[in-house]
Protein backbone atom coordinates (compact mmCIF):
# COMPACT_ATOMS: atom_id res chain seq x y z
CA MET A 1 -1.94 4.39 1.78
CA ILE A 2 1.00 2.75 1.02
CA HIS A 3 0.62 -0.69 3.33
CA GLY A 4 -2.01 -2.56 3.98
CA GLY A 5 -3.61 -3.14 7.58
CA ASP A 6 -5.20 0.30 7.96
CA ILE A 7 -7.96 -1.48 9.99
CA TYR A 8 -7.77 1.69 12.31
CA ARG A 9 -9.91 4.14 10.19
CA ASN A 10 -11.74 1.62 8.67
CA LYS A 11 -14.85 -0.74 9.41
CA VAL A 12 -13.09 -4.08 8.89
CA SER A 13 -14.72 -7.59 10.02
CA ILE A 14 -11.95 -9.38 7.53
CA ASP A 15 -8.91 -8.26 6.89
CA PHE A 16 -6.31 -9.73 3.34
CA SER A 17 -5.12 -6.51 3.11
CA VAL A 18 -1.71 -7.71 5.21
CA ASN A 19 -0.16 -10.90 4.69
CA VAL A 20 0.17 -12.68 7.98
CA ASN A 21 -0.02 -16.76 8.67
CA PRO A 22 -3.80 -17.91 8.20
CA LEU A 23 -2.78 -20.10 11.58
CA GLY A 24 -2.90 -17.27 13.71
CA MET A 25 -0.23 -16.69 16.39
CA PRO A 26 0.94 -19.86 17.59
CA ALA A 27 -0.20 -20.63 21.74
CA SER A 28 3.33 -21.15 22.65
CA VAL A 29 4.23 -17.26 21.36
CA LYS A 30 0.98 -16.03 23.19
CA ARG A 31 1.82 -17.66 26.46
CA ALA A 32 5.64 -16.11 26.14
CA LEU A 33 3.90 -12.57 25.70
CA PHE A 34 1.86 -12.63 28.48
CA GLU A 35 4.69 -13.88 30.51
CA ALA A 36 6.93 -10.88 29.26
CA VAL A 37 4.55 -8.56 31.39
CA GLU A 38 6.51 -9.77 34.20
CA GLN A 39 9.84 -8.79 33.19
CA CYS A 40 8.59 -5.03 32.04
CA GLU A 41 10.07 -3.94 35.61
CA ALA A 42 13.70 -4.79 34.15
CA TYR A 43 15.26 -3.95 30.89
CA PRO A 44 15.55 -6.25 27.75
CA ASP A 45 18.77 -7.85 27.21
CA ILE A 46 20.51 -5.27 25.23
CA LYS A 47 22.47 -8.08 23.11
CA ALA A 48 19.25 -10.62 22.53
CA GLU A 49 21.49 -13.10 23.64
CA LYS A 50 19.04 -16.08 23.91
CA LEU A 51 16.87 -14.80 21.07
CA ALA A 52 20.03 -15.06 18.66
CA GLN A 53 21.22 -18.40 19.70
CA GLU A 54 17.76 -19.84 19.32
CA LEU A 55 17.46 -18.35 16.19
CA SER A 56 21.05 -20.01 15.06
CA ARG A 57 19.63 -23.04 16.26
CA MET A 58 16.23 -22.69 14.02
CA ILE A 59 17.81 -21.58 10.83
CA GLY A 60 21.24 -23.19 10.95
CA VAL A 61 23.41 -20.09 10.84
CA SER A 62 26.20 -18.83 12.82
CA LYS A 63 24.87 -16.94 15.72
CA GLU A 64 27.58 -14.25 14.44
CA THR A 65 25.89 -13.77 10.96
CA ILE A 66 22.69 -12.53 12.85
CA LEU A 67 21.54 -9.00 13.56
CA LEU A 68 18.27 -8.53 14.88
CA GLY A 69 15.72 -5.58 14.86
CA ASN A 70 12.48 -4.01 15.47
CA GLY A 71 11.04 -5.20 12.31
CA ALA A 72 12.66 -5.73 8.70
CA SER A 73 11.91 -2.12 8.50
CA GLU A 74 13.63 -1.35 10.92
CA LEU A 75 16.87 -2.90 9.00
CA PHE A 76 16.13 -1.28 5.91
CA MET A 77 16.71 1.99 7.44
CA ALA A 78 19.54 1.13 9.33
CA ILE A 79 21.15 -0.72 5.98
CA GLY A 80 20.44 2.68 4.28
CA ARG A 81 22.42 4.60 6.52
CA ALA A 82 25.18 2.40 7.37
CA LEU A 83 25.90 2.07 3.41
CA ALA A 84 25.09 5.84 2.55
CA PRO A 85 24.65 4.89 -0.97
CA LYS A 86 24.63 7.05 -4.39
CA ARG A 87 22.31 4.91 -6.43
CA ILE A 88 20.03 2.55 -6.13
CA VAL A 89 18.61 -0.20 -8.09
CA ILE A 90 14.61 -1.34 -7.29
CA PRO A 91 12.99 -3.83 -9.17
CA VAL A 92 9.16 -2.97 -9.65
CA PRO A 93 6.55 -3.64 -8.33
CA SER A 94 7.72 -4.26 -5.22
CA PHE A 95 7.50 -3.48 -1.86
CA PHE A 96 7.52 0.43 -1.06
CA GLY A 97 10.07 0.06 1.96
CA TYR A 98 12.67 -0.20 -0.28
CA GLU A 99 12.00 3.01 -1.69
CA LYS A 100 11.11 4.75 1.71
CA THR A 101 14.74 3.55 2.39
CA ALA A 102 16.26 5.11 -0.62
CA ILE A 103 14.54 8.07 -0.19
CA SER A 104 15.89 8.88 3.07
CA THR A 105 19.63 8.25 1.86
CA GLY A 106 19.02 11.03 -0.65
CA ALA A 107 19.94 8.19 -3.31
CA GLU A 108 19.37 8.15 -6.94
CA ILE A 109 16.97 5.39 -7.60
CA PHE A 110 16.59 3.37 -10.72
CA TYR A 111 13.58 1.35 -11.03
CA TYR A 112 13.56 -1.82 -13.21
CA GLU A 113 10.24 -2.28 -14.82
CA MET A 114 9.32 -6.01 -14.56
CA LYS A 115 6.93 -6.47 -17.37
CA GLU A 116 3.13 -7.44 -17.17
CA ASN A 117 3.30 -9.77 -20.09
CA LYS A 118 5.92 -11.90 -18.57
CA GLY A 119 3.92 -11.87 -15.19
CA TYR A 120 6.11 -9.23 -13.63
CA GLN A 121 9.11 -12.09 -13.11
CA LEU A 122 12.59 -10.76 -12.92
CA ASP A 123 14.17 -11.58 -16.00
CA GLU A 124 17.77 -10.95 -16.77
CA GLY A 125 17.46 -7.93 -18.24
CA ILE A 126 18.10 -6.84 -14.71
CA LEU A 127 21.81 -7.10 -15.18
CA ASP A 128 21.80 -4.72 -17.73
CA HIS A 129 21.08 -1.95 -15.47
CA LEU A 130 23.70 -3.08 -12.44
CA THR A 131 26.06 -0.62 -13.38
CA TYR A 132 29.57 -0.09 -11.50
CA ASP A 133 28.24 3.52 -9.88
CA THR A 134 25.49 1.07 -8.27
CA ASP A 135 25.63 0.67 -4.82
CA ILE A 136 22.63 -1.33 -3.53
CA LEU A 137 20.12 -3.42 -5.44
CA PHE A 138 16.87 -4.59 -3.52
CA LEU A 139 15.46 -7.52 -4.51
CA THR A 140 12.37 -9.77 -2.88
CA ASN A 141 11.98 -13.07 -3.22
CA PRO A 142 9.16 -14.23 -2.95
CA ASN A 143 8.42 -10.77 -4.65
CA ASN A 144 5.69 -8.43 -3.05
CA PRO A 145 2.92 -7.60 -4.18
CA VAL A 146 3.23 -10.66 -7.03
CA GLY A 147 4.38 -13.53 -4.82
CA ASN A 148 6.68 -15.38 -8.05
CA ARG A 149 9.99 -16.60 -6.62
CA VAL A 150 13.17 -15.11 -8.78
CA GLU A 151 14.40 -18.47 -10.28
CA SER A 152 17.85 -19.78 -8.51
CA ASN A 153 20.21 -19.17 -11.59
CA LEU A 154 19.37 -15.52 -12.12
CA LEU A 155 19.68 -15.05 -8.66
CA GLU A 156 23.30 -16.13 -8.13
CA ARG A 157 23.95 -14.40 -11.48
CA ILE A 158 22.82 -11.48 -10.23
CA ALA A 159 24.41 -11.78 -7.24
CA GLU A 160 28.04 -12.84 -8.63
CA ASP A 161 27.34 -10.05 -10.92
CA CYS A 162 26.99 -7.52 -8.08
CA ARG A 163 30.05 -8.86 -6.01
CA LYS A 164 32.55 -8.22 -8.71
CA LYS A 165 31.12 -4.61 -9.56
CA GLN A 166 31.09 -4.26 -5.43
CA ILE A 167 27.21 -3.40 -4.99
CA PHE A 168 25.44 -4.71 -2.10
CA VAL A 169 22.62 -7.02 -2.89
CA VAL A 170 19.29 -6.56 -0.33
CA LEU A 171 17.69 -9.55 -0.52
CA ASP A 172 14.16 -10.04 1.41
CA GLU A 173 13.11 -13.33 2.59
CA CYS A 174 10.51 -12.71 4.40
CA PHE A 175 7.83 -14.84 2.70
CA LEU A 176 10.42 -17.43 1.90
CA GLU A 177 9.27 -20.07 4.69
CA PHE A 178 5.76 -19.97 2.96
CA THR A 179 6.72 -21.65 -0.46
CA GLY A 180 7.97 -24.46 1.53
CA GLU A 181 11.66 -24.52 0.12
CA ASP A 182 12.86 -22.44 2.26
CA GLU A 183 16.03 -24.28 3.24
CA GLN A 184 16.78 -25.34 -0.34
CA ARG A 185 15.81 -21.89 -2.09
CA SER A 186 17.40 -19.32 1.21
CA PHE A 187 20.65 -17.67 0.06
CA LYS A 188 21.33 -17.86 3.91
CA ASN A 189 23.48 -20.88 3.01
CA LYS A 190 25.86 -18.85 0.70
CA LEU A 191 26.52 -15.63 2.74
CA GLU A 192 30.56 -17.17 3.01
CA ASP A 193 30.78 -16.76 -0.93
CA TYR A 194 29.21 -13.60 -1.32
CA PRO A 195 30.02 -10.60 1.14
CA ASN A 196 28.08 -8.72 -0.69
CA VAL A 197 24.72 -10.10 0.27
CA ILE A 198 22.61 -9.16 3.00
CA VAL A 199 19.31 -11.55 3.96
CA ILE A 200 15.98 -9.47 5.46
CA ARG A 201 13.58 -11.96 7.39
CA ALA A 202 11.18 -11.43 9.60
CA PHE A 203 8.84 -13.30 12.51
CA THR A 204 6.33 -10.81 11.31
CA LYS A 205 4.27 -13.05 8.76
CA ILE A 206 5.37 -16.40 9.25
CA PHE A 207 4.46 -16.74 13.36
CA ALA A 208 1.01 -13.91 12.61
CA ILE A 209 2.88 -11.30 15.06
CA PRO A 210 3.40 -8.00 13.27
CA GLY A 211 2.22 -6.44 16.59
CA VAL A 212 5.38 -7.48 18.01
CA ARG A 213 7.84 -6.07 15.69
CA LEU A 214 10.68 -8.60 15.30
CA GLY A 215 13.18 -8.88 12.25
CA TYR A 216 16.56 -9.85 11.49
CA LEU A 217 19.37 -9.89 8.80
CA LEU A 218 22.08 -12.23 7.98
CA CYS A 219 25.50 -11.12 6.61
CA GLY A 220 28.51 -12.76 6.59
CA ASN A 221 30.47 -9.72 6.14
CA GLU A 222 31.72 -8.84 9.25
CA GLU A 223 32.68 -5.52 8.80
CA VAL A 224 29.52 -4.40 7.09
CA ARG A 225 27.61 -5.74 9.72
CA LYS A 226 29.03 -4.16 12.45
CA ARG A 227 28.61 -0.68 10.21
CA ILE A 228 24.51 -1.60 10.25
CA GLU A 229 24.66 -2.46 13.86
CA ARG A 230 26.38 1.28 15.32
CA GLN A 231 22.85 2.67 13.26
CA LEU A 232 20.11 0.88 15.62
CA PRO A 233 19.26 1.93 18.79
CA GLU A 234 20.08 0.17 21.82
CA TRP A 235 17.60 -1.91 23.43
CA ASN A 236 15.57 -2.06 20.08
CA LEU A 237 14.16 -5.23 21.04
CA SER A 238 11.42 -5.51 23.79
CA ALA A 239 10.86 -8.57 26.25
CA PHE A 240 8.18 -8.81 24.27
CA ALA A 241 9.95 -9.52 21.26
CA GLN A 242 12.37 -11.25 22.89
CA LEU A 243 10.71 -13.84 24.58
CA ALA A 244 7.92 -13.99 21.86
CA GLY A 245 10.94 -14.89 19.28
CA VAL A 246 12.38 -17.64 21.80
CA ALA A 247 8.99 -19.30 21.66
CA ALA A 248 8.40 -18.98 18.07
CA CYS A 249 11.82 -20.91 17.06
CA GLN A 250 10.49 -23.87 18.81
CA GLU A 251 7.47 -23.85 16.41
CA ARG A 252 9.02 -26.04 13.72
CA GLU A 253 6.00 -28.21 13.01
CA TYR A 254 3.72 -24.89 12.90
CA ILE A 255 5.67 -23.96 10.05
CA TRP A 256 5.35 -27.17 8.19
CA ASN A 257 1.63 -26.93 8.64
CA THR A 258 1.61 -23.84 7.62
CA VAL A 259 2.89 -24.54 4.20
CA LEU A 260 0.35 -27.22 3.17
CA VAL A 261 -2.68 -25.23 4.79
CA VAL A 262 -1.45 -22.09 2.61
CA ARG A 263 -0.61 -24.23 -0.50
CA GLU A 264 -4.15 -25.47 -0.39
CA GLU A 265 -5.81 -22.23 0.30
CA ARG A 266 -4.48 -20.28 -2.53
CA GLU A 267 -5.46 -23.33 -4.91
CA PHE A 268 -8.90 -22.84 -3.74
CA LEU A 269 -8.96 -18.81 -3.79
CA GLU A 270 -7.29 -19.15 -7.35
CA ARG A 271 -9.64 -21.87 -8.80
CA SER A 272 -12.36 -20.04 -7.20
CA LEU A 273 -11.66 -16.34 -8.49
CA GLN A 274 -10.52 -17.64 -11.93
CA GLN A 275 -13.65 -18.99 -12.48
CA MET A 276 -15.26 -15.50 -12.08
CA GLY A 277 -12.89 -14.08 -14.32
CA VAL A 278 -10.15 -12.61 -12.34
CA HIS A 279 -6.76 -12.84 -13.52
CA VAL A 280 -4.62 -14.19 -10.60
CA TYR A 281 -0.91 -14.20 -11.09
CA PRO A 282 1.28 -17.01 -10.22
CA SER A 283 2.29 -17.16 -6.23
CA GLU A 284 4.19 -18.78 -4.19
CA ALA A 285 3.53 -17.00 -1.06
CA ASP A 286 0.76 -16.36 1.03
CA PHE A 287 -0.84 -14.03 -1.25
CA LEU A 288 -2.30 -13.44 -4.69
CA LEU A 289 -2.21 -10.27 -6.90
CA LEU A 290 -5.69 -10.00 -8.80
CA LYS A 291 -6.37 -7.60 -11.56
CA THR A 292 -9.73 -7.13 -12.47
CA ASP A 293 -12.61 -4.46 -13.78
CA ILE A 294 -14.50 -4.83 -10.94
CA ALA A 295 -13.59 -1.97 -8.30
CA LEU A 296 -12.98 -4.39 -5.02
CA TYR A 297 -11.37 -1.99 -2.84
CA GLU A 298 -14.49 0.09 -2.33
CA LYS A 299 -17.50 -2.55 -2.87
CA LEU A 300 -15.62 -5.32 -0.85
CA LEU A 301 -15.07 -2.63 2.04
CA GLU A 302 -18.92 -2.11 2.05
CA LYS A 303 -19.24 -5.35 3.12
CA GLU A 304 -16.78 -4.96 6.11
CA ILE A 305 -14.08 -6.90 4.23
CA LEU A 306 -10.60 -5.23 3.57
CA VAL A 307 -8.40 -6.12 0.60
CA ARG A 308 -4.98 -4.15 -0.72
CA ASP A 309 -5.61 -1.74 -3.47
CA CYS A 310 -2.31 -2.05 -5.36
CA ARG A 311 -2.41 1.40 -7.34
CA ASN A 312 -0.16 2.48 -5.86
CA PHE A 313 2.37 0.03 -6.13
CA ARG A 314 5.24 1.53 -8.98
CA GLY A 315 4.73 -0.71 -12.08
CA LEU A 316 0.75 -1.08 -11.54
CA GLY A 317 -2.11 0.80 -11.30
CA MET A 318 -6.28 0.64 -11.46
CA GLY A 319 -7.85 -2.74 -11.30
CA TYR A 320 -4.63 -4.88 -9.50
CA TYR A 321 -5.07 -5.93 -5.89
CA ARG A 322 -3.58 -7.97 -3.39
CA ILE A 323 -5.34 -10.95 -1.19
CA ALA A 324 -4.02 -12.58 1.56
CA VAL A 325 -4.12 -16.36 1.39
CA LYS A 326 -6.41 -16.88 4.94
CA ASN A 327 -8.17 -19.64 6.96
CA HIS A 328 -10.64 -21.93 4.57
CA SER A 329 -14.07 -19.72 6.27
CA ASP A 330 -12.87 -16.42 5.46
CA ASN A 331 -11.47 -17.22 2.18
CA GLU A 332 -14.77 -18.38 1.35
CA ALA A 333 -16.61 -15.61 2.74
CA LEU A 334 -14.10 -13.35 0.05
CA ILE A 335 -15.55 -15.84 -2.53
CA HIS A 336 -19.36 -15.67 -1.99
CA ALA A 337 -18.69 -11.60 -1.95
CA VAL A 338 -16.85 -11.41 -5.25
CA ARG A 339 -19.41 -13.64 -6.82
CA GLY A 340 -21.84 -11.23 -5.86
CA LEU A 341 -20.39 -8.20 -7.18
CA ALA A 342 -19.44 -10.47 -10.62
CA SER A 343 -23.02 -11.27 -10.67
CA LYS A 344 -23.42 -7.21 -10.94
CA GLU A 345 -21.10 -6.16 -13.72
């Protein structure tokens, strides 16, 4: 599997393989989904105007810069079709969706391998590979599967270098809200200065609604945004996605509570795993990248606990695993299981 969440072909009691909010879906969003049933005999709003308006208020950007999609994945593919790149740069390890987009375009893919001895932290070496024949650079902030952020000054240097070379930067911020520094760190506030930057975000992870499929992009370049929009199908957002999104946009306190819980539980997991000799890479997201000789995937699955085996991430290999930060009882269950496995090694 190239993604986590395969609960359909495995017997799973606790799923640590997908990184959704440990607080679970907000009650208001659940109510909105039930209410959406009553709208299913009519077509959903083809422009999703109410959702765009509420999202604009929530994140503090102009409604005109927003383009909504059926999850971030649909938007990545639409970007690929719209920009028709010939050469794409992807730092690795990173989310497979970027590579899938690149493959669909037939573009040449250059992988910039981040170094294990630097904690897979993006560094200024990436600048040497941003050639004038590069069309798109994919970046994640925070990185998936590592969870570390791109240093702000470096990110702006990259965006500026790409602007001069007419390279589009597709910046995935789907996990930035979990850091508690969304407002300070997001590139959404710099889109007017960088018409070459396209920010991708989603409701999926922060509101724990991966089954709803709802994402959005932010782009200050009207011509580019319209090119991408032409690649999206009509009525790509169901009534369920639109009403759930409108409800989610009111949940500001929920987001702040999420940050506090994730921070506390992430530290608990990190501390507990390190005490057992498991190497844990620094993370600011709602997941952790681990390295260990214990065959965690297979042995935990025997206990009906699913983690993400990262051997198929380009740049990683055997012994790497990613775990979500979940609620405390689930996290304790994981630690108890790993402790049992470690004692047998």
